[in-house]
């Protein structure tokens, strides 16, 4: 997608914080913001895998020498880490303009009654408690200047629960409710709250869900033409580069072979 000169103008010198930036949608979003702004932005890139972030920083800086990037190892499931992360931000990266709550995790497809407690904990800690903590730390910054964008990466799972997704679906439903409350609470401000709910997107997400079993992960997309990370990152950048009084509040995005969480057309040979 070509975002045009207005997008570049609206992004110039903005500070953008992306969680889960080491791969998939987060990594693609970092690239799209760099391209849309012609490198005239500051990126704070966080994830658990610092080596992947450092590699991304190197590649971005090579293509956009003027860009400013701060990479920080951060596991949003650890709330103490979030606290120390914000305390350690250098002054030039503190005035955050856009928060992309992208970090998320699914563990397993066990049915209710057989789900491991550790899987329940990690999904709620990452997808709900970590997301809420990131938002609560950034919101006072945005309120002080009465501007900013909070982008919530939800899922069709938060709207349309499916068997084997009892916990993951519940976490995304919690994100959705939190997001709606937040938007209503900020109605008297110029802070925009944007929810993007993807359907089937081929990233490393399924690898994590199946604990590194690549064969099982591959079957998720078998016979389909799923979305890719850039389809979502294009949308993220688009929604945050509209006129300041325009809020694209919710977007549900599917590939053409999908109509709901469980209604997915698969071609057979």
C-alpha atoms as a PDB file:
ATOM      1  CA  UNK A   1       0.000   0.000   0.000  1.00  0.00           C
ATOM      2  CA  UNK A   2       1.184   3.511  -0.827  1.00  0.00           C
ATOM      3  CA  UNK A   3       0.222   5.813   2.029  1.00  0.00           C
ATOM      4  CA  UNK A   4       1.004   9.084   0.277  1.00  0.00           C
ATOM      5  CA  UNK A   5       2.427  12.453   1.376  1.00  0.00           C
ATOM      6  CA  UNK A   6      -0.328  13.200   3.905  1.00  0.00           C
ATOM      7  CA  UNK A   7       0.461  10.035   5.826  1.00  0.00           C
ATOM      8  CA  UNK A   8       4.153  10.929   5.910  1.00  0.00           C
ATOM      9  CA  UNK A   9       3.332  14.413   7.155  1.00  0.00           C
ATOM     10  CA  UNK A  10       1.055  13.084   9.906  1.00  0.00           C
ATOM     11  CA  UNK A  11       3.702  10.600  11.079  1.00  0.00           C
ATOM     12  CA  UNK A  12       6.732  12.892  11.026  1.00  0.00           C
ATOM     13  CA  UNK A  13       8.589  12.807  14.364  1.00  0.00           C
ATOM     14  CA  UNK A  14       5.965  10.566  15.969  1.00  0.00           C
ATOM     15  CA  UNK A  15       7.086   8.087  18.639  1.00  0.00           C
ATOM     16  CA  UNK A  16       5.577   4.649  18.035  1.00  0.00           C
ATOM     17  CA  UNK A  17       5.733   1.780  20.527  1.00  0.00           C
ATOM     18  CA  UNK A  18       5.167  -1.717  19.132  1.00  0.00           C
ATOM     19  CA  UNK A  19       4.960  -4.812  21.321  1.00  0.00           C
ATOM     20  CA  UNK A  20       5.734  -8.209  19.837  1.00  0.00           C
ATOM     21  CA  UNK A  21       7.865  -6.545  17.155  1.00  0.00           C
ATOM     22  CA  UNK A  22      10.340  -9.376  16.574  1.00  0.00           C
ATOM     23  CA  UNK A  23       8.263 -11.177  13.926  1.00  0.00           C
ATOM     24  CA  UNK A  24       4.935 -11.354  12.133  1.00  0.00           C
ATOM     25  CA  UNK A  25       2.527  -8.438  12.350  1.00  0.00           C
ATOM     26  CA  UNK A  26       4.731  -6.461  14.758  1.00  0.00           C
ATOM     27  CA  UNK A  27       7.793  -6.641  12.530  1.00  0.00           C
ATOM     28  CA  UNK A  28       5.761  -5.820   9.413  1.00  0.00           C
ATOM     29  CA  UNK A  29       4.203  -2.843  11.222  1.00  0.00           C
ATOM     30  CA  UNK A  30       7.643  -1.449  12.031  1.00  0.00           C
ATOM     31  CA  UNK A  31       8.584  -1.644   8.345  1.00  0.00           C
ATOM     32  CA  UNK A  32       5.346  -0.053   7.168  1.00  0.00           C
ATOM     33  CA  UNK A  33       5.672   2.869   9.588  1.00  0.00           C
ATOM     34  CA  UNK A  34       9.255   3.422   8.434  1.00  0.00           C
ATOM     35  CA  UNK A  35       8.173   3.406   4.786  1.00  0.00           C
ATOM     36  CA  UNK A  36       5.060   5.538   5.298  1.00  0.00           C
ATOM     37  CA  UNK A  37       7.055   8.225   7.139  1.00  0.00           C
ATOM     38  CA  UNK A  38      10.135   8.026   4.899  1.00  0.00           C
ATOM     39  CA  UNK A  39      12.047   7.148   8.059  1.00  0.00           C
ATOM     40  CA  UNK A  40      11.135  10.378   9.839  1.00  0.00           C
ATOM     41  CA  UNK A  41       9.904   8.687  13.022  1.00  0.00           C
ATOM     42  CA  UNK A  42      11.054   7.143  16.276  1.00  0.00           C
ATOM     43  CA  UNK A  43      10.299   3.474  16.857  1.00  0.00           C
ATOM     44  CA  UNK A  44      10.328   1.659  20.184  1.00  0.00           C
ATOM     45  CA  UNK A  45      10.470  -2.035  19.340  1.00  0.00           C
ATOM     46  CA  UNK A  46       9.860  -4.577  22.086  1.00  0.00           C
ATOM     47  CA  UNK A  47       9.679  -8.368  22.235  1.00  0.00           C
ATOM     48  CA  UNK A  48      11.089 -11.316  24.145  1.00  0.00           C
ATOM     49  CA  UNK A  49      13.683 -12.115  21.440  1.00  0.00           C
ATOM     50  CA  UNK A  50      16.153  -9.238  21.604  1.00  0.00           C
ATOM     51  CA  UNK A  51      18.414 -10.687  18.909  1.00  0.00           C
ATOM     52  CA  UNK A  52      15.545 -10.536  16.402  1.00  0.00           C
ATOM     53  CA  UNK A  53      14.861  -6.924  17.379  1.00  0.00           C
ATOM     54  CA  UNK A  54      18.510  -5.982  16.938  1.00  0.00           C
ATOM     55  CA  UNK A  55      18.535  -7.558  13.488  1.00  0.00           C
ATOM     56  CA  UNK A  56      15.379  -5.642  12.572  1.00  0.00           C
ATOM     57  CA  UNK A  57      16.896  -2.396  13.858  1.00  0.00           C
ATOM     58  CA  UNK A  58      19.973  -2.950  11.701  1.00  0.00           C
ATOM     59  CA  UNK A  59      17.917  -3.611   8.567  1.00  0.00           C
ATOM     60  CA  UNK A  60      15.638  -0.612   9.130  1.00  0.00           C
ATOM     61  CA  UNK A  61      18.548   1.723   9.853  1.00  0.00           C
ATOM     62  CA  UNK A  62      20.326   0.591   6.694  1.00  0.00           C
ATOM     63  CA  UNK A  63      17.323   1.467   4.534  1.00  0.00           C
ATOM     64  CA  UNK A  64      16.338   4.584   6.521  1.00  0.00           C
ATOM     65  CA  UNK A  65      19.517   6.191   7.940  1.00  0.00           C
ATOM     66  CA  UNK A  66      17.551   9.035   9.567  1.00  0.00           C
ATOM     67  CA  UNK A  67      15.230   6.775  11.563  1.00  0.00           C
ATOM     68  CA  UNK A  68      15.607   6.567  15.343  1.00  0.00           C
ATOM     69  CA  UNK A  69      15.043   3.167  16.927  1.00  0.00           C
ATOM     70  CA  UNK A  70      15.085   1.915  20.486  1.00  0.00           C
ATOM     71  CA  UNK A  71      15.002  -1.856  20.954  1.00  0.00           C
ATOM     72  CA  UNK A  72      14.098  -3.294  24.336  1.00  0.00           C
ATOM     73  CA  UNK A  73      13.623  -6.856  25.492  1.00  0.00           C
ATOM     74  CA  UNK A  74      10.174  -7.063  27.051  1.00  0.00           C
ATOM     75  CA  UNK A  75       7.899  -9.917  28.003  1.00  0.00           C
ATOM     76  CA  UNK A  76       4.510  -8.282  28.560  1.00  0.00           C
ATOM     77  CA  UNK A  77       3.342 -11.288  30.575  1.00  0.00           C
ATOM     78  CA  UNK A  78       5.663 -10.083  33.361  1.00  0.00           C
ATOM     79  CA  UNK A  79       4.058  -6.956  34.801  1.00  0.00           C
ATOM     80  CA  UNK A  80       7.184  -6.024  36.782  1.00  0.00           C
ATOM     81  CA  UNK A  81       9.128  -5.959  33.513  1.00  0.00           C
ATOM     82  CA  UNK A  82       6.609  -3.499  32.077  1.00  0.00           C
ATOM     83  CA  UNK A  83       7.075  -1.174  35.051  1.00  0.00           C
ATOM     84  CA  UNK A  84      10.870  -1.167  34.726  1.00  0.00           C
ATOM     85  CA  UNK A  85      10.624  -0.830  30.944  1.00  0.00           C
ATOM     86  CA  UNK A  86       8.786   2.485  31.173  1.00  0.00           C
ATOM     87  CA  UNK A  87      11.051   3.737  33.945  1.00  0.00           C
ATOM     88  CA  UNK A  88      14.106   3.096  31.759  1.00  0.00           C
ATOM     89  CA  UNK A  89      12.901   4.869  28.602  1.00  0.00           C
ATOM     90  CA  UNK A  90      15.334   7.597  27.472  1.00  0.00           C
ATOM     91  CA  UNK A  91      13.870  11.099  27.497  1.00  0.00           C
ATOM     92  CA  UNK A  92      13.660  11.364  23.706  1.00  0.00           C
ATOM     93  CA  UNK A  93      11.462   8.241  23.548  1.00  0.00           C
ATOM     94  CA  UNK A  94       9.124   8.977  26.464  1.00  0.00           C
ATOM     95  CA  UNK A  95       6.454  11.093  24.754  1.00  0.00           C
ATOM     96  CA  UNK A  96       4.721   8.169  23.043  1.00  0.00           C
ATOM     97  CA  UNK A  97       2.240   9.045  20.272  1.00  0.00           C
ATOM     98  CA  UNK A  98       1.095   5.616  19.104  1.00  0.00           C
ATOM     99  CA  UNK A  99       0.867   2.367  21.064  1.00  0.00           C
ATOM    100  CA  UNK A 100       0.444  -0.870  19.117  1.00  0.00           C
ATOM    101  CA  UNK A 101      -0.693  -3.565  21.554  1.00  0.00           C
ATOM    102  CA  UNK A 102       0.330  -6.402  19.262  1.00  0.00           C
ATOM    103  CA  UNK A 103       1.956  -8.961  21.588  1.00  0.00           C
ATOM    104  CA  UNK A 104      -0.305 -11.972  21.980  1.00  0.00           C
ATOM    105  CA  UNK A 105      -0.127 -15.680  22.469  1.00  0.00           C
ATOM    106  CA  UNK A 106      -2.186 -18.855  22.090  1.00  0.00           C
ATOM    107  CA  UNK A 107      -1.105 -22.069  23.815  1.00  0.00           C
ATOM    108  CA  UNK A 108      -2.678 -25.303  22.663  1.00  0.00           C
ATOM    109  CA  UNK A 109      -6.167 -26.318  21.559  1.00  0.00           C
ATOM    110  CA  UNK A 110      -7.148 -28.381  24.586  1.00  0.00           C
ATOM    111  CA  UNK A 111     -10.837 -28.572  25.443  1.00  0.00           C
ATOM    112  CA  UNK A 112     -12.169 -27.027  28.661  1.00  0.00           C
ATOM    113  CA  UNK A 113     -11.620 -29.402  31.542  1.00  0.00           C
ATOM    114  CA  UNK A 114      -8.245 -30.546  30.225  1.00  0.00           C
ATOM    115  CA  UNK A 115      -6.474 -27.197  29.796  1.00  0.00           C
ATOM    116  CA  UNK A 116      -3.181 -26.895  31.655  1.00  0.00           C
ATOM    117  CA  UNK A 117      -3.074 -24.135  34.251  1.00  0.00           C
ATOM    118  CA  UNK A 118       0.237 -22.837  32.915  1.00  0.00           C
ATOM    119  CA  UNK A 119      -1.351 -22.365  29.473  1.00  0.00           C
ATOM    120  CA  UNK A 120      -4.279 -20.497  30.992  1.00  0.00           C
ATOM    121  CA  UNK A 121      -1.912 -18.278  32.950  1.00  0.00           C
ATOM    122  CA  UNK A 122       0.384 -17.363  30.058  1.00  0.00           C
ATOM    123  CA  UNK A 123      -2.502 -16.449  27.748  1.00  0.00           C
ATOM    124  CA  UNK A 124      -4.243 -14.234  30.291  1.00  0.00           C
ATOM    125  CA  UNK A 125      -0.981 -12.695  31.486  1.00  0.00           C
ATOM    126  CA  UNK A 126       0.075 -11.835  27.912  1.00  0.00           C
ATOM    127  CA  UNK A 127      -3.168 -11.101  26.085  1.00  0.00           C
ATOM    128  CA  UNK A 128      -5.068  -9.385  28.884  1.00  0.00           C
ATOM    129  CA  UNK A 129      -3.015  -8.286  31.895  1.00  0.00           C
ATOM    130  CA  UNK A 130       0.052  -7.301  29.877  1.00  0.00           C
ATOM    131  CA  UNK A 131      -2.056  -5.413  27.331  1.00  0.00           C
ATOM    132  CA  UNK A 132      -3.903  -3.566  30.103  1.00  0.00           C
ATOM    133  CA  UNK A 133      -0.662  -2.667  31.867  1.00  0.00           C
ATOM    134  CA  UNK A 134       0.917  -1.310  28.667  1.00  0.00           C
ATOM    135  CA  UNK A 135      -2.190   0.807  28.052  1.00  0.00           C
ATOM    136  CA  UNK A 136      -2.305   2.145  31.607  1.00  0.00           C
ATOM    137  CA  UNK A 137       1.335   3.232  31.426  1.00  0.00           C
ATOM    138  CA  UNK A 138       0.938   5.001  28.084  1.00  0.00           C
ATOM    139  CA  UNK A 139      -2.452   6.619  28.648  1.00  0.00           C
ATOM    140  CA  UNK A 140      -1.301   9.335  31.098  1.00  0.00           C
ATOM    141  CA  UNK A 141       1.312  10.431  28.533  1.00  0.00           C
ATOM    142  CA  UNK A 142      -1.360  10.805  25.874  1.00  0.00           C
ATOM    143  CA  UNK A 143      -3.813  12.507  28.221  1.00  0.00           C
ATOM    144  CA  UNK A 144      -1.243  15.128  29.135  1.00  0.00           C
ATOM    145  CA  UNK A 145      -1.021  16.284  25.521  1.00  0.00           C
ATOM    146  CA  UNK A 146      -4.603  15.282  24.591  1.00  0.00           C
ATOM    147  CA  UNK A 147      -3.569  13.243  21.570  1.00  0.00           C
ATOM    148  CA  UNK A 148      -2.448   9.766  20.633  1.00  0.00           C
ATOM    149  CA  UNK A 149      -3.532   6.462  19.150  1.00  0.00           C
ATOM    150  CA  UNK A 150      -3.971   3.143  20.935  1.00  0.00           C
ATOM    151  CA  UNK A 151      -4.211   0.236  18.509  1.00  0.00           C
ATOM    152  CA  UNK A 152      -5.567  -3.021  19.908  1.00  0.00           C
ATOM    153  CA  UNK A 153      -4.794  -6.225  18.022  1.00  0.00           C
ATOM    154  CA  UNK A 154      -7.841  -8.322  18.692  1.00  0.00           C
ATOM    155  CA  UNK A 155      -9.085 -11.343  16.795  1.00  0.00           C
ATOM    156  CA  UNK A 156     -12.180 -12.890  15.271  1.00  0.00           C
ATOM    157  CA  UNK A 157     -11.792 -15.213  18.287  1.00  0.00           C
ATOM    158  CA  UNK A 158     -12.988 -12.377  20.515  1.00  0.00           C
ATOM    159  CA  UNK A 159     -16.252 -12.159  18.581  1.00  0.00           C
ATOM    160  CA  UNK A 160     -16.840 -15.776  17.568  1.00  0.00           C
ATOM    161  CA  UNK A 161     -15.571 -18.357  20.096  1.00  0.00           C
ATOM    162  CA  UNK A 162     -14.709 -21.826  18.779  1.00  0.00           C
ATOM    163  CA  UNK A 163     -14.029 -25.286  20.259  1.00  0.00           C
ATOM    164  CA  UNK A 164     -10.458 -25.634  21.439  1.00  0.00           C
ATOM    165  CA  UNK A 165     -10.164 -21.899  21.957  1.00  0.00           C
ATOM    166  CA  UNK A 166     -11.886 -21.564  25.312  1.00  0.00           C
ATOM    167  CA  UNK A 167      -9.075 -19.565  26.900  1.00  0.00           C
ATOM    168  CA  UNK A 168      -7.655 -17.753  23.874  1.00  0.00           C
ATOM    169  CA  UNK A 169     -11.142 -16.668  22.768  1.00  0.00           C
ATOM    170  CA  UNK A 170     -11.895 -15.491  26.303  1.00  0.00           C
ATOM    171  CA  UNK A 171      -8.741 -13.367  26.372  1.00  0.00           C
ATOM    172  CA  UNK A 172      -9.603 -11.696  23.082  1.00  0.00           C
ATOM    173  CA  UNK A 173     -13.170 -11.096  24.260  1.00  0.00           C
ATOM    174  CA  UNK A 174     -11.679  -9.438  27.346  1.00  0.00           C
ATOM    175  CA  UNK A 175      -9.512  -7.248  25.103  1.00  0.00           C
ATOM    176  CA  UNK A 176     -12.604  -6.293  23.119  1.00  0.00           C
ATOM    177  CA  UNK A 177     -14.589  -5.299  26.225  1.00  0.00           C
ATOM    178  CA  UNK A 178     -11.643  -3.372  27.651  1.00  0.00           C
ATOM    179  CA  UNK A 179     -11.216  -1.550  24.339  1.00  0.00           C
ATOM    180  CA  UNK A 180     -14.888  -0.537  24.172  1.00  0.00           C
ATOM    181  CA  UNK A 181     -14.791   0.787  27.738  1.00  0.00           C
ATOM    182  CA  UNK A 182     -11.579   2.686  27.027  1.00  0.00           C
ATOM    183  CA  UNK A 183     -12.995   4.335  23.917  1.00  0.00           C
ATOM    184  CA  UNK A 184     -16.080   5.487  25.812  1.00  0.00           C
ATOM    185  CA  UNK A 185     -14.001   6.821  28.709  1.00  0.00           C
ATOM    186  CA  UNK A 186     -11.896   8.874  26.280  1.00  0.00           C
ATOM    187  CA  UNK A 187     -14.831  10.411  24.410  1.00  0.00           C
ATOM    188  CA  UNK A 188     -13.949  13.881  25.743  1.00  0.00           C
ATOM    189  CA  UNK A 189     -10.354  13.653  24.500  1.00  0.00           C
ATOM    190  CA  UNK A 190      -8.586  13.520  21.143  1.00  0.00           C
ATOM    191  CA  UNK A 191      -7.105  10.105  21.889  1.00  0.00           C
ATOM    192  CA  UNK A 192      -8.185   7.503  19.343  1.00  0.00           C
ATOM    193  CA  UNK A 193      -8.822   3.875  20.276  1.00  0.00           C
ATOM    194  CA  UNK A 194      -8.630   1.499  17.323  1.00  0.00           C
ATOM    195  CA  UNK A 195      -9.437  -2.218  17.353  1.00  0.00           C
ATOM    196  CA  UNK A 196      -8.304  -4.482  14.518  1.00  0.00           C
ATOM    197  CA  UNK A 197      -9.659  -8.043  14.530  1.00  0.00           C
ATOM    198  CA  UNK A 198      -7.940 -10.336  12.011  1.00  0.00           C
ATOM    199  CA  UNK A 199      -9.130 -13.739  10.940  1.00  0.00           C
ATOM    200  CA  UNK A 200      -6.767 -16.342   9.529  1.00  0.00           C
ATOM    201  CA  UNK A 201      -3.269 -14.813   9.230  1.00  0.00           C
ATOM    202  CA  UNK A 202      -0.213 -16.928   8.462  1.00  0.00           C
ATOM    203  CA  UNK A 203       2.575 -15.946  10.875  1.00  0.00           C
ATOM    204  CA  UNK A 204       4.576 -17.695  13.600  1.00  0.00           C
ATOM    205  CA  UNK A 205       1.432 -17.542  15.754  1.00  0.00           C
ATOM    206  CA  UNK A 206       0.386 -21.138  15.005  1.00  0.00           C
ATOM    207  CA  UNK A 207       3.920 -22.390  15.639  1.00  0.00           C
ATOM    208  CA  UNK A 208       3.575 -21.054  19.173  1.00  0.00           C
ATOM    209  CA  UNK A 209       0.064 -22.409  19.586  1.00  0.00           C
ATOM    210  CA  UNK A 210       1.290 -25.920  18.733  1.00  0.00           C
ATOM    211  CA  UNK A 211       4.490 -25.590  20.765  1.00  0.00           C
ATOM    212  CA  UNK A 212       6.812 -25.675  17.763  1.00  0.00           C
ATOM    213  CA  UNK A 213       5.098 -28.535  15.921  1.00  0.00           C
ATOM    214  CA  UNK A 214       5.451 -27.114  12.405  1.00  0.00           C
ATOM    215  CA  UNK A 215       3.394 -29.877  10.794  1.00  0.00           C
ATOM    216  CA  UNK A 216       0.358 -29.070  12.954  1.00  0.00           C
ATOM    217  CA  UNK A 217       0.888 -25.343  12.420  1.00  0.00           C
ATOM    218  CA  UNK A 218       1.000 -25.802   8.647  1.00  0.00           C
ATOM    219  CA  UNK A 219      -2.331 -27.661   8.665  1.00  0.00           C
ATOM    220  CA  UNK A 220      -4.053 -24.538  10.023  1.00  0.00           C
ATOM    221  CA  UNK A 221      -3.533 -22.861   6.643  1.00  0.00           C
ATOM    222  CA  UNK A 222      -3.781 -25.954   4.425  1.00  0.00           C
ATOM    223  CA  UNK A 223      -6.102 -25.500   1.439  1.00  0.00           C
ATOM    224  CA  UNK A 224      -6.569 -21.797   2.116  1.00  0.00           C
ATOM    225  CA  UNK A 225      -5.021 -18.533   1.014  1.00  0.00           C
ATOM    226  CA  UNK A 226      -4.633 -16.839   4.405  1.00  0.00           C
ATOM    227  CA  UNK A 227      -3.851 -13.226   5.077  1.00  0.00           C
ATOM    228  CA  UNK A 228      -0.218 -12.319   5.676  1.00  0.00           C
ATOM    229  CA  UNK A 229       1.302  -9.981   8.252  1.00  0.00           C
ATOM    230  CA  UNK A 230       1.513  -7.083   5.796  1.00  0.00           C
ATOM    231  CA  UNK A 231      -2.245  -7.159   5.208  1.00  0.00           C
ATOM    232  CA  UNK A 232      -2.678  -6.283   8.875  1.00  0.00           C
ATOM    233  CA  UNK A 233       0.220  -3.830   9.174  1.00  0.00           C
ATOM    234  CA  UNK A 234      -1.088  -1.919   6.132  1.00  0.00           C
ATOM    235  CA  UNK A 235      -4.355  -1.495   7.971  1.00  0.00           C
ATOM    236  CA  UNK A 236      -2.655  -0.428  11.213  1.00  0.00           C
ATOM    237  CA  UNK A 237      -0.747   2.338   9.470  1.00  0.00           C
ATOM    238  CA  UNK A 238      -3.805   3.384   7.463  1.00  0.00           C
ATOM    239  CA  UNK A 239      -6.008   3.769  10.545  1.00  0.00           C
ATOM    240  CA  UNK A 240      -3.417   5.857  12.392  1.00  0.00           C
ATOM    241  CA  UNK A 241      -2.762   8.216   9.497  1.00  0.00           C
ATOM    242  CA  UNK A 242      -6.340   9.438   8.991  1.00  0.00           C
ATOM    243  CA  UNK A 243      -7.348  12.995   9.904  1.00  0.00           C
ATOM    244  CA  UNK A 244      -7.067  13.510  13.633  1.00  0.00           C
ATOM    245  CA  UNK A 245     -10.849  13.597  14.193  1.00  0.00           C
ATOM    246  CA  UNK A 246     -11.428  10.344  12.265  1.00  0.00           C
ATOM    247  CA  UNK A 247     -11.513   7.105  14.260  1.00  0.00           C
ATOM    248  CA  UNK A 248     -11.688   3.797  12.437  1.00  0.00           C
ATOM    249  CA  UNK A 249     -12.954   2.251  15.631  1.00  0.00           C
ATOM    250  CA  UNK A 250     -13.280  -1.391  14.614  1.00  0.00           C
ATOM    251  CA  UNK A 251     -12.157  -3.459  11.656  1.00  0.00           C
ATOM    252  CA  UNK A 252     -12.833  -7.153  11.044  1.00  0.00           C
ATOM    253  CA  UNK A 253     -10.494  -8.422   8.341  1.00  0.00           C
ATOM    254  CA  UNK A 254     -10.713 -11.824   6.594  1.00  0.00           C
ATOM    255  CA  UNK A 255      -9.217 -13.493   3.558  1.00  0.00           C
ATOM    256  CA  UNK A 256     -11.783 -14.228   0.832  1.00  0.00           C
ATOM    257  CA  UNK A 257     -12.078 -17.875   1.916  1.00  0.00           C
ATOM    258  CA  UNK A 258     -13.228 -17.011   5.449  1.00  0.00           C
ATOM    259  CA  UNK A 259     -16.584 -15.782   6.778  1.00  0.00           C
ATOM    260  CA  UNK A 260     -16.274 -16.455  10.515  1.00  0.00           C
ATOM    261  CA  UNK A 261     -13.891 -18.117  12.961  1.00  0.00           C
ATOM    262  CA  UNK A 262     -15.160 -21.575  12.021  1.00  0.00           C
ATOM    263  CA  UNK A 263     -16.501 -20.912   8.499  1.00  0.00           C
ATOM    264  CA  UNK A 264     -13.347 -21.397   6.445  1.00  0.00           C
ATOM    265  CA  UNK A 265     -13.363 -22.771   2.914  1.00  0.00           C
ATOM    266  CA  UNK A 266     -10.531 -25.194   2.172  1.00  0.00           C
ATOM    267  CA  UNK A 267      -9.714 -26.362  -1.337  1.00  0.00           C
ATOM    268  CA  UNK A 268      -9.102 -30.068  -1.723  1.00  0.00           C
ATOM    269  CA  UNK A 269      -7.055 -31.728  -4.429  1.00  0.00           C
END
